[in-house]
PDB file of N, CA and C in Angstrom:
ATOM      1  N   MET A   1     199.490  46.327 105.554  1.00  0.00           N
ATOM      2  CA  MET A   1     200.300  47.603 105.605  1.00  0.00           C
ATOM      3  C   MET A   1     201.632  47.016 105.777  1.00  0.00           C
ATOM      4  N   ARG A   2     202.835  47.780 105.132  1.00  0.00           N
ATOM      5  CA  ARG A   2     204.143  47.329 105.318  1.00  0.00           C
ATOM      6  C   ARG A   2     205.031  48.265 105.956  1.00  0.00           C
ATOM      7  N   ILE A   3     205.791  47.953 106.501  1.00  0.00           N
ATOM      8  CA  ILE A   3     206.744  48.791 107.595  1.00  0.00           C
ATOM      9  C   ILE A   3     207.851  48.833 106.456  1.00  0.00           C
ATOM     10  N   THR A   4     208.327  50.034 106.065  1.00  0.00           N
ATOM     11  CA  THR A   4     209.651  50.685 105.274  1.00  0.00           C
ATOM     12  C   THR A   4     210.528  50.204 106.208  1.00  0.00           C
ATOM     13  N   SER A   5     211.874  50.216 105.627  1.00  0.00           N
ATOM     14  CA  SER A   5     213.485  50.037 106.091  1.00  0.00           C
ATOM     15  C   SER A   5     213.523  51.292 107.141  1.00  0.00           C
ATOM     16  N   LYS A   6     213.140  52.353 107.300  1.00  0.00           N
ATOM     17  CA  LYS A   6     213.068  53.694 107.761  1.00  0.00           C
ATOM     18  C   LYS A   6     211.783  53.363 108.970  1.00  0.00           C
ATOM     19  N   GLY A   7     211.237  52.282 109.226  1.00  0.00           N
ATOM     20  CA  GLY A   7     210.151  52.164 110.391  1.00  0.00           C
ATOM     21  C   GLY A   7     208.986  53.129 109.872  1.00  0.00           C
ATOM     22  N   GLN A   8     208.696  53.357 108.639  1.00  0.00           N
ATOM     23  CA  GLN A   8     207.541  54.304 108.436  1.00  0.00           C
ATOM     24  C   GLN A   8     206.346  53.294 108.090  1.00  0.00           C
ATOM     25  N   VAL A   9     205.035  53.969 108.163  1.00  0.00           N
ATOM     26  CA  VAL A   9     204.016  53.297 107.428  1.00  0.00           C
ATOM     27  C   VAL A   9     203.049  54.388 107.171  1.00  0.00           C
ATOM     28  N   THR A  10     202.265  53.970 105.767  1.00  0.00           N
ATOM     29  CA  THR A  10     201.316  55.101 105.541  1.00  0.00           C
ATOM     30  C   THR A  10     199.951  54.653 106.109  1.00  0.00           C
ATOM     31  N   ILE A  11     199.461  55.875 106.796  1.00  0.00           N
ATOM     32  CA  ILE A  11     198.043  55.657 107.206  1.00  0.00           C
ATOM     33  C   ILE A  11     197.009  55.794 106.158  1.00  0.00           C
ATOM     34  N   PRO A  12     196.421  55.017 105.923  1.00  0.00           N
ATOM     35  CA  PRO A  12     195.234  54.698 104.857  1.00  0.00           C
ATOM     36  C   PRO A  12     194.255  56.130 104.652  1.00  0.00           C
ATOM     37  N   GLN A  13     193.997  56.761 103.896  1.00  0.00           N
ATOM     38  CA  GLN A  13     193.052  57.779 103.559  1.00  0.00           C
ATOM     39  C   GLN A  13     191.708  57.701 104.505  1.00  0.00           C
ATOM     40  N   GLU A  14     191.221  56.515 104.375  1.00  0.00           N
ATOM     41  CA  GLU A  14     189.850  56.460 104.980  1.00  0.00           C
ATOM     42  C   GLU A  14     190.052  56.700 106.633  1.00  0.00           C
ATOM     43  N   VAL A  15     191.329  56.095 107.459  1.00  0.00           N
ATOM     44  CA  VAL A  15     191.575  56.358 108.639  1.00  0.00           C
ATOM     45  C   VAL A  15     191.950  57.850 108.760  1.00  0.00           C
ATOM     46  N   ARG A  16     192.856  58.373 108.142  1.00  0.00           N
ATOM     47  CA  ARG A  16     193.097  59.614 108.310  1.00  0.00           C
ATOM     48  C   ARG A  16     191.926  60.727 108.125  1.00  0.00           C
ATOM     49  N   ARG A  17     191.016  60.235 107.477  1.00  0.00           N
ATOM     50  CA  ARG A  17     189.781  61.247 107.520  1.00  0.00           C
ATOM     51  C   ARG A  17     189.030  61.193 108.568  1.00  0.00           C
ATOM     52  N   GLU A  18     188.662  59.790 109.208  1.00  0.00           N
ATOM     53  CA  GLU A  18     188.329  59.461 110.142  1.00  0.00           C
ATOM     54  C   GLU A  18     188.354  60.084 111.297  1.00  0.00           C
ATOM     55  N   LEU A  19     189.667  60.152 111.500  1.00  0.00           N
ATOM     56  CA  LEU A  19     190.326  60.740 112.842  1.00  0.00           C
ATOM     57  C   LEU A  19     190.449  62.338 112.625  1.00  0.00           C
ATOM     58  N   GLY A  20     190.257  62.909 111.360  1.00  0.00           N
ATOM     59  CA  GLY A  20     190.298  64.499 111.038  1.00  0.00           C
ATOM     60  C   GLY A  20     191.864  64.671 111.029  1.00  0.00           C
ATOM     61  N   LEU A  21     192.768  64.043 110.378  1.00  0.00           N
ATOM     62  CA  LEU A  21     194.104  64.433 110.070  1.00  0.00           C
ATOM     63  C   LEU A  21     194.609  64.922 109.046  1.00  0.00           C
ATOM     64  N   GLU A  22     195.376  66.013 108.950  1.00  0.00           N
ATOM     65  CA  GLU A  22     195.830  66.744 107.676  1.00  0.00           C
ATOM     66  C   GLU A  22     197.327  66.496 107.653  1.00  0.00           C
ATOM     67  N   PRO A  23     197.936  66.671 106.454  1.00  0.00           N
ATOM     68  CA  PRO A  23     199.367  66.906 106.233  1.00  0.00           C
ATOM     69  C   PRO A  23     199.702  67.765 106.994  1.00  0.00           C
ATOM     70  N   GLY A  24     200.931  67.306 108.002  1.00  0.00           N
ATOM     71  CA  GLY A  24     201.585  68.157 108.783  1.00  0.00           C
ATOM     72  C   GLY A  24     201.151  67.907 110.405  1.00  0.00           C
ATOM     73  N   ASP A  25     199.989  67.229 110.587  1.00  0.00           N
ATOM     74  CA  ASP A  25     199.599  66.702 112.021  1.00  0.00           C
ATOM     75  C   ASP A  25     200.527  66.056 112.705  1.00  0.00           C
ATOM     76  N   GLU A  26     200.513  66.220 113.950  1.00  0.00           N
ATOM     77  CA  GLU A  26     201.211  65.379 114.945  1.00  0.00           C
ATOM     78  C   GLU A  26     200.340  64.102 115.511  1.00  0.00           C
ATOM     79  N   VAL A  27     200.902  63.021 115.329  1.00  0.00           N
ATOM     80  CA  VAL A  27     199.758  61.863 116.108  1.00  0.00           C
ATOM     81  C   VAL A  27     201.038  61.079 117.049  1.00  0.00           C
ATOM     82  N   GLU A  28     200.301  60.552 118.145  1.00  0.00           N
ATOM     83  CA  GLU A  28     201.059  59.799 118.866  1.00  0.00           C
ATOM     84  C   GLU A  28     200.726  57.802 118.714  1.00  0.00           C
ATOM     85  N   ILE A  29     201.686  57.651 119.154  1.00  0.00           N
ATOM     86  CA  ILE A  29     201.455  55.940 119.197  1.00  0.00           C
ATOM     87  C   ILE A  29     201.372  55.581 120.435  1.00  0.00           C
ATOM     88  N   VAL A  30     200.447  54.853 121.026  1.00  0.00           N
ATOM     89  CA  VAL A  30     199.989  54.690 122.247  1.00  0.00           C
ATOM     90  C   VAL A  30     200.041  53.164 122.224  1.00  0.00           C
ATOM     91  N   VAL A  31     200.893  52.426 123.214  1.00  0.00           N
ATOM     92  CA  VAL A  31     200.916  51.169 123.308  1.00  0.00           C
ATOM     93  C   VAL A  31     200.188  50.379 124.210  1.00  0.00           C
ATOM     94  N   GLN A  32     199.191  49.739 124.216  1.00  0.00           N
ATOM     95  CA  GLN A  32     198.234  49.019 125.306  1.00  0.00           C
ATOM     96  C   GLN A  32     198.172  47.631 125.232  1.00  0.00           C
ATOM     97  N   ASP A  33     198.248  46.912 126.165  1.00  0.00           N
ATOM     98  CA  ASP A  33     198.077  45.374 125.837  1.00  0.00           C
ATOM     99  C   ASP A  33     198.182  44.601 124.809  1.00  0.00           C
ATOM    100  N   GLY A  34     199.767  45.055 124.455  1.00  0.00           N
ATOM    101  CA  GLY A  34     200.320  44.847 123.151  1.00  0.00           C
ATOM    102  C   GLY A  34     199.632  45.127 121.772  1.00  0.00           C
ATOM    103  N   ALA A  35     199.230  45.946 121.923  1.00  0.00           N
ATOM    104  CA  ALA A  35     198.748  46.524 120.364  1.00  0.00           C
ATOM    105  C   ALA A  35     199.092  48.267 120.635  1.00  0.00           C
ATOM    106  N   ALA A  36     199.194  48.376 119.524  1.00  0.00           N
ATOM    107  CA  ALA A  36     199.798  50.086 119.185  1.00  0.00           C
ATOM    108  C   ALA A  36     198.347  50.804 118.541  1.00  0.00           C
ATOM    109  N   LYS A  37     198.428  52.125 119.102  1.00  0.00           N
ATOM    110  CA  LYS A  37     197.187  52.848 118.872  1.00  0.00           C
ATOM    111  C   LYS A  37     197.527  54.189 118.172  1.00  0.00           C
ATOM    112  N   ILE A  38     197.074  54.532 117.079  1.00  0.00           N
ATOM    113  CA  ILE A  38     197.374  55.757 116.474  1.00  0.00           C
ATOM    114  C   ILE A  38     196.554  56.697 117.093  1.00  0.00           C
ATOM    115  N   VAL A  39     196.867  57.818 117.467  1.00  0.00           N
ATOM    116  CA  VAL A  39     195.777  58.902 118.132  1.00  0.00           C
ATOM    117  C   VAL A  39     196.260  60.126 117.803  1.00  0.00           C
ATOM    118  N   PRO A  40     195.847  61.161 117.608  1.00  0.00           N
ATOM    119  CA  PRO A  40     195.920  62.603 117.206  1.00  0.00           C
ATOM    120  C   PRO A  40     196.315  63.257 118.727  1.00  0.00           C
ATOM    121  N   ALA A  41     197.848  64.092 118.301  1.00  0.00           N
ATOM    122  CA  ALA A  41     198.604  64.148 119.251  1.00  0.00           C
ATOM    123  C   ALA A  41     197.753  65.320 120.080  1.00  0.00           C
ATOM    124  N   ARG A  42     197.720  65.201 121.699  1.00  0.00           N
ATOM    125  CA  ARG A  42     196.799  65.831 122.407  1.00  0.00           C
ATOM    126  C   ARG A  42     197.414  67.277 122.785  1.00  0.00           C
ATOM    127  N   GLY A  43     198.829  67.542 122.666  1.00  0.00           N
ATOM    128  CA  GLY A  43     199.734  68.805 122.955  1.00  0.00           C
ATOM    129  C   GLY A  43     200.836  68.873 122.415  1.00  0.00           C
ATOM    130  N   PRO A  44     201.665  69.616 122.661  1.00  0.00           N
ATOM    131  CA  PRO A  44     202.759  69.817 122.171  1.00  0.00           C
ATOM    132  C   PRO A  44     203.410  68.614 121.970  1.00  0.00           C
ATOM    133  N   SER A  45     204.407  68.188 120.906  1.00  0.00           N
ATOM    134  CA  SER A  45     204.914  66.941 120.974  1.00  0.00           C
ATOM    135  C   SER A  45     206.148  67.222 119.747  1.00  0.00           C
ATOM    136  N   GLY A  46     206.866  66.181 119.632  1.00  0.00           N
ATOM    137  CA  GLY A  46     207.737  66.042 118.736  1.00  0.00           C
ATOM    138  C   GLY A  46     209.246  66.746 119.281  1.00  0.00           C
ATOM    139  N   ARG A  47     210.215  67.183 118.164  1.00  0.00           N
ATOM    140  CA  ARG A  47     211.469  67.768 119.056  1.00  0.00           C
ATOM    141  C   ARG A  47     211.495  68.708 119.682  1.00  0.00           C
ATOM    142  N   GLY A  48     210.437  69.792 119.541  1.00  0.00           N
ATOM    143  CA  GLY A  48     210.102  70.716 120.728  1.00  0.00           C
ATOM    144  C   GLY A  48     209.811  70.360 122.005  1.00  0.00           C
ATOM    145  N   ARG A  49     208.957  69.305 121.909  1.00  0.00           N
ATOM    146  CA  ARG A  49     208.518  68.881 123.536  1.00  0.00           C
ATOM    147  C   ARG A  49     209.449  68.075 123.946  1.00  0.00           C
ATOM    148  N   ARG A  50     210.714  67.601 123.145  1.00  0.00           N
ATOM    149  CA  ARG A  50     211.517  66.662 123.754  1.00  0.00           C
ATOM    150  C   ARG A  50     212.715  67.832 124.337  1.00  0.00           C
ATOM    151  N   VAL A  51     212.786  68.642 123.748  1.00  0.00           N
ATOM    152  CA  VAL A  51     213.580  69.774 124.589  1.00  0.00           C
ATOM    153  C   VAL A  51     213.427  70.621 125.382  1.00  0.00           C
ATOM    154  N   VAL A  52     211.911  71.013 125.467  1.00  0.00           N
ATOM    155  CA  VAL A  52     211.409  71.434 126.949  1.00  0.00           C
ATOM    156  C   VAL A  52     211.536  70.251 127.901  1.00  0.00           C
ATOM    157  N   ASP A  53     211.019  69.098 127.787  1.00  0.00           N
ATOM    158  CA  ASP A  53     211.133  68.269 128.679  1.00  0.00           C
ATOM    159  C   ASP A  53     212.596  68.044 129.479  1.00  0.00           C
ATOM    160  N   ALA A  54     213.793  68.059 128.219  1.00  0.00           N
ATOM    161  CA  ALA A  54     214.999  67.831 128.903  1.00  0.00           C
ATOM    162  C   ALA A  54     215.522  69.145 129.668  1.00  0.00           C
ATOM    163  N   LEU A  55     214.971  70.568 129.389  1.00  0.00           N
ATOM    164  CA  LEU A  55     215.362  71.408 130.156  1.00  0.00           C
ATOM    165  C   LEU A  55     214.597  71.788 131.301  1.00  0.00           C
ATOM    166  N   LEU A  56     213.315  71.189 131.403  1.00  0.00           N
ATOM    167  CA  LEU A  56     212.403  71.733 132.599  1.00  0.00           C
ATOM    168  C   LEU A  56     213.174  71.644 134.008  1.00  0.00           C
ATOM    169  N   GLY A  57     213.141  72.395 134.581  1.00  0.00           N
ATOM    170  CA  GLY A  57     213.559  72.354 136.070  1.00  0.00           C
ATOM    171  C   GLY A  57     215.057  72.516 136.232  1.00  0.00           C
ATOM    172  N   ARG A  58     215.669  72.739 135.136  1.00  0.00           N
ATOM    173  CA  ARG A  58     216.882  73.031 135.079  1.00  0.00           C
ATOM    174  C   ARG A  58     217.662  74.488 135.149  1.00  0.00           C
ATOM    175  N   GLY A  59     216.881  75.645 135.263  1.00  0.00           N
ATOM    176  CA  GLY A  59     217.136  76.661 135.230  1.00  0.00           C
ATOM    177  C   GLY A  59     217.602  77.240 136.563  1.00  0.00           C
ATOM    178  N   ASP A  60     218.672  78.181 136.553  1.00  0.00           N
ATOM    179  CA  ASP A  60     219.332  78.455 137.762  1.00  0.00           C
ATOM    180  C   ASP A  60     219.525  80.047 138.016  1.00  0.00           C
ATOM    181  N   VAL A  61     218.783  80.537 137.170  1.00  0.00           N
ATOM    182  CA  VAL A  61     218.778  82.167 137.400  1.00  0.00           C
ATOM    183  C   VAL A  61     217.508  82.741 138.411  1.00  0.00           C
ATOM    184  N   ASP A  62     218.095  83.693 139.480  1.00  0.00           N
ATOM    185  CA  ASP A  62     216.985  84.075 140.296  1.00  0.00           C
ATOM    186  C   ASP A  62     216.640  85.292 140.046  1.00  0.00           C
ATOM    187  N   LEU A  63     215.506  84.974 138.738  1.00  0.00           N
ATOM    188  CA  LEU A  63     214.977  86.290 138.161  1.00  0.00           C
ATOM    189  C   LEU A  63     213.598  85.811 138.046  1.00  0.00           C
ATOM    190  N   THR A  64     212.821  86.984 138.201  1.00  0.00           N
ATOM    191  CA  THR A  64     211.364  86.515 137.994  1.00  0.00           C
ATOM    192  C   THR A  64     211.017  86.680 136.767  1.00  0.00           C
ATOM    193  N   THR A  65     209.784  85.920 136.254  1.00  0.00           N
ATOM    194  CA  THR A  65     209.686  85.965 134.849  1.00  0.00           C
ATOM    195  C   THR A  65     209.672  87.181 134.328  1.00  0.00           C
ATOM    196  N   ASP A  66     209.035  88.285 134.938  1.00  0.00           N
ATOM    197  CA  ASP A  66     209.000  89.750 134.686  1.00  0.00           C
ATOM    198  C   ASP A  66     210.488  90.443 134.211  1.00  0.00           C
ATOM    199  N   GLU A  67     211.136  89.974 135.230  1.00  0.00           N
ATOM    200  CA  GLU A  67     212.577  90.503 134.590  1.00  0.00           C
ATOM    201  C   GLU A  67     213.228  89.920 133.559  1.00  0.00           C
ATOM    202  N   ILE A  68     212.953  88.747 133.569  1.00  0.00           N
ATOM    203  CA  ILE A  68     213.544  88.188 132.069  1.00  0.00           C
ATOM    204  C   ILE A  68     213.159  88.599 131.099  1.00  0.00           C
ATOM    205  N   MET A  69     211.545  88.953 131.164  1.00  0.00           N
ATOM    206  CA  MET A  69     211.023  89.506 130.143  1.00  0.00           C
ATOM    207  C   MET A  69     211.339  90.827 129.742  1.00  0.00           C
ATOM    208  N   ALA A  70     211.906  91.701 130.479  1.00  0.00           N
ATOM    209  CA  ALA A  70     212.213  92.998 130.675  1.00  0.00           C
ATOM    210  C   ALA A  70     213.780  92.829 130.029  1.00  0.00           C
ATOM    211  N   LEU A  71     214.729  92.127 130.306  1.00  0.00           N
ATOM    212  CA  LEU A  71     216.048  91.810 129.641  1.00  0.00           C
ATOM    213  C   LEU A  71     215.686  91.541 128.136  1.00  0.00           C
ATOM    214  N   THR A  72     214.618  90.585 128.094  1.00  0.00           N
ATOM    215  CA  THR A  72     214.342  89.942 126.619  1.00  0.00           C
ATOM    216  C   THR A  72     214.235  91.343 125.638  1.00  0.00           C
ATOM    217  N   ARG A  73     213.342  92.228 126.290  1.00  0.00           N
ATOM    218  CA  ARG A  73     212.707  93.555 125.415  1.00  0.00           C
ATOM    219  C   ARG A  73     213.703  94.418 125.412  1.00  0.00           C
ATOM    220  N   GLY A  74     214.736  94.444 126.361  1.00  0.00           N
ATOM    221  CA  GLY A  74     215.526  95.479 126.134  1.00  0.00           C
ATOM    222  C   GLY A  74     215.174  96.988 127.172  1.00  0.00           C
ATOM    223  N   ASP A  75     213.945  96.318 128.265  1.00  0.00           N
ATOM    224  CA  ASP A  75     213.496  97.675 128.970  1.00  0.00           C
ATOM    225  C   ASP A  75     214.649  97.995 129.932  1.00  0.00           C
TER     226      ASP A  75
END
């Protein structure tokens, strides 16, 4: 397997099949004892997860979730 100039590799079909991976699925690369392991992502990942992680705990509004939802809905 060769790594492209963009750092990409192609996961062989037999590996995708064994892991049950389909086009568009998310995977994680876990490094353990100097080896990389490709595993199906367990939860939200990617750009959305990074945005949520960056914003987590930064809210400064003294409103309850119900009050925020009421504002969102226009109640």
